[in-house]
Amino acid sequence: QVQLVESGGGLVQAGGSLRLSCAASRISGGIFSIGAMGWFSQAPGKQRDLVATITSGDSTNYADSVKGRFTISRDNAKNTVYLQMNSLKPEDTAVYYCKADGVSQFRVQGYWGQGTQVTVSS
C-alpha cells in the first residue's frame, strides 16, 4: 500500500502561481520503490485528465495545455512530487490529484491521493 498526501491548493487570481506537493508514505505490502508519479486534474462534470508525469529517472511529460506554464519535479529521497503552476488561467480550475506507481516484485500498481482544489479567479 501507498498513502499519498497532497498539499498546496487554494484560490489564486489569474496570472498567479501555486505549488502543489504530494508525499508518498506508509509504503508497505512488498512495495520496494515508487515508480512514475504524476498529476491529474478533474473539473466539475468532466473526466480526469493528465496534467504532467515524471518517471523515477526524471523524464517528464506534459499536457499541451500546460506546457511552458507548469513544471513537474520530484525528490526521490522524500518520495515527493511537486507541480509548480505559473501563469494560471481560470480554465486551470479543478481538483488536482496526485498519482504514484508502487513497484513490487511482480507488478506495478497505481495509487491516488485525495485531491486538492485549485481555483483560479478571473
N, C-alpha and C. Protein backbone atom coordinates (compact mmCIF):
# COMPACT_ATOMS: atom_id res chain seq x y z
N GLN A 1 0.84 -1.19 0.00
CA GLN A 1 0.00 0.00 0.00
C GLN A 1 0.87 1.24 0.00
N VAL A 2 0.33 2.29 -0.59
CA VAL A 2 1.00 3.59 -0.61
C VAL A 2 -0.03 4.66 -0.26
N GLN A 3 0.29 5.50 0.69
CA GLN A 3 -0.57 6.63 1.03
C GLN A 3 0.02 7.90 0.44
N LEU A 4 -0.83 8.67 -0.24
CA LEU A 4 -0.40 9.92 -0.86
C LEU A 4 -1.11 11.08 -0.18
N VAL A 5 -0.34 12.06 0.24
CA VAL A 5 -0.90 13.23 0.90
C VAL A 5 -0.52 14.46 0.09
N GLU A 6 -1.54 15.17 -0.40
CA GLU A 6 -1.32 16.35 -1.24
C GLU A 6 -1.50 17.62 -0.42
N SER A 7 -0.84 18.66 -0.88
CA SER A 7 -1.00 19.98 -0.26
C SER A 7 -0.66 21.05 -1.28
N GLY A 8 -1.07 22.28 -0.96
CA GLY A 8 -0.67 23.42 -1.79
C GLY A 8 -1.76 24.02 -2.65
N GLY A 9 -2.95 23.43 -2.67
CA GLY A 9 -4.02 24.02 -3.46
C GLY A 9 -4.54 25.29 -2.81
N GLY A 10 -5.43 25.96 -3.53
CA GLY A 10 -6.03 27.17 -2.98
C GLY A 10 -6.64 28.03 -4.06
N LEU A 11 -6.92 29.28 -3.66
CA LEU A 11 -7.52 30.26 -4.55
C LEU A 11 -6.47 31.28 -4.97
N VAL A 12 -6.39 31.53 -6.26
CA VAL A 12 -5.40 32.47 -6.78
C VAL A 12 -6.01 33.22 -7.96
N GLN A 13 -5.54 34.43 -8.17
CA GLN A 13 -6.01 35.20 -9.32
C GLN A 13 -5.31 34.74 -10.59
N ALA A 14 -5.98 34.97 -11.71
CA ALA A 14 -5.39 34.65 -13.00
C ALA A 14 -4.02 35.31 -13.13
N GLY A 15 -3.06 34.55 -13.64
CA GLY A 15 -1.70 35.04 -13.76
C GLY A 15 -0.82 34.71 -12.58
N GLY A 16 -1.44 34.22 -11.53
CA GLY A 16 -0.70 33.89 -10.32
C GLY A 16 -0.08 32.50 -10.38
N SER A 17 0.50 32.10 -9.25
CA SER A 17 1.21 30.82 -9.17
C SER A 17 0.80 30.04 -7.93
N LEU A 18 0.90 28.76 -8.04
CA LEU A 18 0.72 27.84 -6.91
C LEU A 18 1.71 26.70 -7.07
N ARG A 19 2.08 26.10 -5.93
CA ARG A 19 2.94 24.93 -5.96
C ARG A 19 2.26 23.81 -5.18
N LEU A 20 2.00 22.72 -5.87
CA LEU A 20 1.40 21.55 -5.24
C LEU A 20 2.49 20.57 -4.84
N SER A 21 2.25 19.89 -3.73
CA SER A 21 3.17 18.85 -3.26
C SER A 21 2.38 17.58 -2.99
N CYS A 22 3.03 16.46 -3.17
CA CYS A 22 2.41 15.17 -2.88
C CYS A 22 3.48 14.24 -2.35
N ALA A 23 3.29 13.79 -1.12
CA ALA A 23 4.26 12.91 -0.48
C ALA A 23 3.70 11.51 -0.34
N ALA A 24 4.49 10.54 -0.73
CA ALA A 24 4.11 9.13 -0.59
C ALA A 24 4.67 8.60 0.72
N SER A 25 3.81 7.93 1.49
CA SER A 25 4.25 7.38 2.78
C SER A 25 3.54 6.07 3.04
N ARG A 26 3.87 5.49 4.20
CA ARG A 26 3.27 4.21 4.62
C ARG A 26 3.38 3.19 3.50
N ILE A 27 4.56 3.10 2.94
CA ILE A 27 4.81 2.18 1.85
C ILE A 27 5.00 0.79 2.43
N SER A 28 4.14 -0.14 2.03
CA SER A 28 4.17 -1.48 2.62
C SER A 28 3.68 -2.50 1.61
N GLY A 29 3.46 -3.73 2.05
CA GLY A 29 2.87 -4.74 1.19
C GLY A 29 3.78 -5.19 0.06
N GLY A 30 5.07 -5.24 0.32
CA GLY A 30 6.00 -5.72 -0.69
C GLY A 30 6.44 -4.68 -1.71
N ILE A 31 5.95 -3.46 -1.55
CA ILE A 31 6.36 -2.41 -2.47
C ILE A 31 7.74 -1.92 -2.06
N PHE A 32 8.68 -1.96 -3.01
CA PHE A 32 10.03 -1.58 -2.64
C PHE A 32 10.48 -0.26 -3.25
N SER A 33 9.66 0.31 -4.14
CA SER A 33 10.02 1.63 -4.67
C SER A 33 8.79 2.32 -5.25
N ILE A 34 8.93 3.63 -5.44
CA ILE A 34 7.92 4.42 -6.12
C ILE A 34 8.39 4.67 -7.54
N GLY A 35 7.59 4.30 -8.50
CA GLY A 35 7.93 4.49 -9.89
C GLY A 35 7.50 5.85 -10.38
N ALA A 36 6.78 5.88 -11.49
CA ALA A 36 6.32 7.14 -12.05
C ALA A 36 5.34 7.82 -11.11
N MET A 37 5.39 9.14 -11.10
CA MET A 37 4.44 9.94 -10.32
C MET A 37 3.85 11.00 -11.25
N GLY A 38 2.69 11.49 -10.88
CA GLY A 38 2.09 12.47 -11.78
C GLY A 38 0.94 13.22 -11.15
N TRP A 39 0.46 14.19 -11.90
CA TRP A 39 -0.69 15.00 -11.50
C TRP A 39 -1.76 14.94 -12.58
N PHE A 40 -2.99 14.83 -12.11
CA PHE A 40 -4.15 14.80 -12.98
C PHE A 40 -5.15 15.84 -12.47
N SER A 41 -5.96 16.37 -13.36
CA SER A 41 -6.95 17.36 -12.95
C SER A 41 -8.34 16.92 -13.37
N GLN A 42 -9.31 17.31 -12.56
CA GLN A 42 -10.70 16.97 -12.86
C GLN A 42 -11.58 18.16 -12.53
N ALA A 43 -12.14 18.77 -13.57
CA ALA A 43 -13.08 19.87 -13.39
C ALA A 43 -14.47 19.29 -13.20
N PRO A 44 -15.38 20.06 -12.59
CA PRO A 44 -16.74 19.55 -12.37
C PRO A 44 -17.40 19.08 -13.66
N GLY A 45 -17.94 17.87 -13.63
CA GLY A 45 -18.65 17.32 -14.77
C GLY A 45 -17.77 16.83 -15.90
N LYS A 46 -16.45 16.82 -15.66
CA LYS A 46 -15.53 16.39 -16.71
C LYS A 46 -14.71 15.19 -16.24
N GLN A 47 -14.05 14.55 -17.19
CA GLN A 47 -13.22 13.40 -16.85
C GLN A 47 -11.90 13.88 -16.25
N ARG A 48 -11.22 12.95 -15.61
CA ARG A 48 -9.92 13.24 -15.03
C ARG A 48 -8.87 13.19 -16.15
N ASP A 49 -8.12 14.27 -16.27
CA ASP A 49 -7.15 14.39 -17.36
C ASP A 49 -5.73 14.47 -16.83
N LEU A 50 -4.81 13.96 -17.63
CA LEU A 50 -3.39 14.05 -17.28
C LEU A 50 -2.93 15.51 -17.37
N VAL A 51 -2.16 15.92 -16.37
CA VAL A 51 -1.53 17.24 -16.39
C VAL A 51 -0.04 17.08 -16.68
N ALA A 52 0.61 16.25 -15.87
CA ALA A 52 2.05 16.04 -16.05
C ALA A 52 2.46 14.77 -15.32
N THR A 53 3.46 14.09 -15.86
CA THR A 53 4.02 12.92 -15.21
C THR A 53 5.53 13.00 -15.21
N ILE A 54 6.14 12.26 -14.29
CA ILE A 54 7.59 12.21 -14.19
C ILE A 54 7.99 10.82 -13.75
N THR A 55 8.97 10.26 -14.45
CA THR A 55 9.45 8.93 -14.09
C THR A 55 10.48 9.02 -12.96
N SER A 56 10.87 7.87 -12.45
CA SER A 56 11.89 7.84 -11.41
C SER A 56 13.23 8.34 -11.93
N GLY A 57 13.39 8.32 -13.26
CA GLY A 57 14.60 8.84 -13.88
C GLY A 57 14.48 10.27 -14.34
N ASP A 58 13.38 10.94 -13.93
CA ASP A 58 13.14 12.36 -14.20
C ASP A 58 12.74 12.68 -15.63
N SER A 59 12.27 11.70 -16.38
CA SER A 59 11.69 12.00 -17.69
C SER A 59 10.28 12.54 -17.46
N THR A 60 9.96 13.63 -18.15
CA THR A 60 8.68 14.30 -17.92
C THR A 60 7.79 14.30 -19.16
N ASN A 61 6.50 14.45 -18.90
CA ASN A 61 5.51 14.54 -19.96
C ASN A 61 4.44 15.52 -19.50
N TYR A 62 4.00 16.39 -20.40
CA TYR A 62 3.03 17.41 -20.05
C TYR A 62 1.86 17.42 -21.03
N ALA A 63 0.70 17.78 -20.52
CA ALA A 63 -0.43 18.07 -21.39
C ALA A 63 -0.10 19.34 -22.17
N ASP A 64 -0.57 19.40 -23.41
CA ASP A 64 -0.27 20.57 -24.25
C ASP A 64 -0.74 21.87 -23.60
N SER A 65 -1.84 21.79 -22.87
CA SER A 65 -2.44 23.00 -22.29
C SER A 65 -1.59 23.62 -21.19
N VAL A 66 -0.63 22.88 -20.65
CA VAL A 66 0.16 23.42 -19.53
C VAL A 66 1.64 23.57 -19.89
N LYS A 67 2.03 23.15 -21.06
CA LYS A 67 3.44 23.26 -21.46
C LYS A 67 3.90 24.71 -21.41
N GLY A 68 5.05 24.92 -20.80
CA GLY A 68 5.58 26.27 -20.67
C GLY A 68 5.07 27.02 -19.46
N ARG A 69 4.04 26.50 -18.79
CA ARG A 69 3.49 27.16 -17.60
C ARG A 69 3.68 26.33 -16.34
N PHE A 70 3.58 25.01 -16.46
CA PHE A 70 3.69 24.12 -15.30
C PHE A 70 5.01 23.35 -15.38
N THR A 71 5.56 23.06 -14.21
CA THR A 71 6.78 22.25 -14.14
C THR A 71 6.60 21.19 -13.07
N ILE A 72 6.82 19.93 -13.46
CA ILE A 72 6.75 18.83 -12.51
C ILE A 72 8.17 18.45 -12.11
N SER A 73 8.35 18.12 -10.84
CA SER A 73 9.65 17.68 -10.35
C SER A 73 9.42 16.71 -9.20
N ARG A 74 10.48 16.04 -8.79
CA ARG A 74 10.34 15.08 -7.68
C ARG A 74 11.63 15.01 -6.89
N ASP A 75 11.45 14.60 -5.64
CA ASP A 75 12.57 14.34 -4.74
C ASP A 75 12.46 12.88 -4.37
N ASN A 76 13.29 12.05 -4.97
CA ASN A 76 13.18 10.61 -4.76
C ASN A 76 13.50 10.22 -3.32
N ALA A 77 14.38 10.94 -2.68
CA ALA A 77 14.73 10.63 -1.29
C ALA A 77 13.52 10.83 -0.37
N LYS A 78 12.64 11.74 -0.74
CA LYS A 78 11.45 12.03 0.07
C LYS A 78 10.18 11.42 -0.51
N ASN A 79 10.31 10.72 -1.64
CA ASN A 79 9.13 10.17 -2.32
C ASN A 79 8.06 11.24 -2.51
N THR A 80 8.48 12.38 -2.95
CA THR A 80 7.59 13.53 -3.09
C THR A 80 7.65 14.07 -4.51
N VAL A 81 6.48 14.43 -5.02
CA VAL A 81 6.38 15.04 -6.34
C VAL A 81 5.78 16.43 -6.19
N TYR A 82 6.26 17.36 -7.01
CA TYR A 82 5.81 18.73 -6.96
C TYR A 82 5.24 19.16 -8.32
N LEU A 83 4.36 20.13 -8.27
CA LEU A 83 3.85 20.74 -9.50
C LEU A 83 3.87 22.25 -9.30
N GLN A 84 4.80 22.90 -9.97
CA GLN A 84 4.85 24.36 -9.95
C GLN A 84 3.96 24.87 -11.07
N MET A 85 2.95 25.64 -10.69
CA MET A 85 1.98 26.14 -11.66
C MET A 85 2.10 27.65 -11.75
N ASN A 86 2.52 28.14 -12.90
CA ASN A 86 2.67 29.57 -13.14
C ASN A 86 1.68 30.03 -14.20
N SER A 87 1.49 31.33 -14.27
CA SER A 87 0.59 31.91 -15.28
C SER A 87 -0.75 31.20 -15.31
N LEU A 88 -1.31 31.02 -14.14
CA LEU A 88 -2.55 30.25 -14.03
C LEU A 88 -3.71 30.97 -14.74
N LYS A 89 -4.60 30.14 -15.30
CA LYS A 89 -5.77 30.63 -16.03
C LYS A 89 -7.03 30.10 -15.36
N PRO A 90 -8.15 30.79 -15.53
CA PRO A 90 -9.40 30.28 -14.94
C PRO A 90 -9.72 28.86 -15.39
N GLU A 91 -9.34 28.50 -16.59
CA GLU A 91 -9.62 27.14 -17.06
C GLU A 91 -8.74 26.08 -16.39
N ASP A 92 -7.78 26.49 -15.59
CA ASP A 92 -6.99 25.53 -14.80
C ASP A 92 -7.74 25.11 -13.54
N THR A 93 -8.85 25.77 -13.25
CA THR A 93 -9.62 25.45 -12.05
C THR A 93 -10.09 24.00 -12.09
N ALA A 94 -9.75 23.26 -11.04
CA ALA A 94 -10.08 21.83 -10.98
C ALA A 94 -9.61 21.28 -9.65
N VAL A 95 -10.01 20.04 -9.38
CA VAL A 95 -9.37 19.29 -8.31
C VAL A 95 -8.17 18.57 -8.92
N TYR A 96 -7.03 18.73 -8.28
CA TYR A 96 -5.80 18.12 -8.77
C TYR A 96 -5.46 16.90 -7.92
N TYR A 97 -5.28 15.78 -8.61
CA TYR A 97 -4.99 14.51 -7.95
C TYR A 97 -3.56 14.07 -8.25
N CYS A 98 -2.90 13.59 -7.23
CA CYS A 98 -1.58 13.01 -7.37
C CYS A 98 -1.73 11.51 -7.60
N LYS A 99 -0.87 10.96 -8.42
CA LYS A 99 -0.85 9.52 -8.67
C LYS A 99 0.58 9.03 -8.59
N ALA A 100 0.76 7.87 -7.98
CA ALA A 100 2.10 7.30 -7.88
C ALA A 100 2.03 5.80 -8.13
N ASP A 101 3.02 5.27 -8.80
CA ASP A 101 3.09 3.83 -9.05
C ASP A 101 3.93 3.17 -7.97
N GLY A 102 3.33 2.21 -7.28
CA GLY A 102 4.06 1.41 -6.31
C GLY A 102 4.60 0.17 -7.01
N VAL A 103 5.92 -0.01 -6.92
CA VAL A 103 6.60 -1.09 -7.64
C VAL A 103 6.91 -2.22 -6.67
N SER A 104 6.37 -3.41 -6.95
CA SER A 104 6.70 -4.60 -6.17
C SER A 104 7.37 -5.61 -7.09
N GLN A 105 7.67 -6.76 -6.57
CA GLN A 105 8.44 -7.74 -7.35
C GLN A 105 7.70 -8.15 -8.62
N PHE A 106 6.36 -8.26 -8.54
CA PHE A 106 5.62 -8.84 -9.65
C PHE A 106 4.71 -7.88 -10.38
N ARG A 107 4.53 -6.67 -9.84
CA ARG A 107 3.62 -5.78 -10.53
C ARG A 107 3.87 -4.33 -10.16
N VAL A 108 3.23 -3.45 -10.94
CA VAL A 108 3.22 -2.02 -10.67
C VAL A 108 1.76 -1.61 -10.50
N GLN A 109 1.46 -1.00 -9.37
CA GLN A 109 0.07 -0.60 -9.09
C GLN A 109 -0.01 0.88 -8.84
N GLY A 110 -1.01 1.52 -9.41
CA GLY A 110 -1.20 2.96 -9.24
C GLY A 110 -2.00 3.28 -8.00
N TYR A 111 -1.60 4.35 -7.32
CA TYR A 111 -2.30 4.83 -6.13
C TYR A 111 -2.63 6.30 -6.33
N TRP A 112 -3.77 6.73 -5.76
CA TRP A 112 -4.23 8.09 -5.92
C TRP A 112 -4.29 8.82 -4.58
N GLY A 113 -4.03 10.11 -4.63
CA GLY A 113 -4.25 10.95 -3.47
C GLY A 113 -5.71 11.36 -3.39
N GLN A 114 -6.03 12.14 -2.35
CA GLN A 114 -7.42 12.52 -2.10
C GLN A 114 -7.84 13.74 -2.92
N GLY A 115 -6.88 14.43 -3.52
CA GLY A 115 -7.19 15.59 -4.33
C GLY A 115 -7.05 16.89 -3.57
N THR A 116 -6.65 17.93 -4.28
CA THR A 116 -6.58 19.27 -3.69
C THR A 116 -7.18 20.26 -4.69
N GLN A 117 -8.00 21.15 -4.18
CA GLN A 117 -8.74 22.08 -5.04
C GLN A 117 -7.84 23.26 -5.45
N VAL A 118 -7.86 23.54 -6.74
CA VAL A 118 -7.20 24.74 -7.27
C VAL A 118 -8.27 25.58 -7.95
N THR A 119 -8.43 26.81 -7.50
CA THR A 119 -9.41 27.71 -8.08
C THR A 119 -8.71 28.98 -8.56
N VAL A 120 -8.90 29.30 -9.83
CA VAL A 120 -8.27 30.48 -10.42
C VAL A 120 -9.37 31.46 -10.80
N SER A 121 -9.34 32.61 -10.19
CA SER A 121 -10.36 33.62 -10.46
C SER A 121 -9.90 34.56 -11.58
N SER A 122 -10.87 35.04 -12.33
CA SER A 122 -10.54 35.94 -13.45
C SER A 122 -10.50 37.40 -13.02
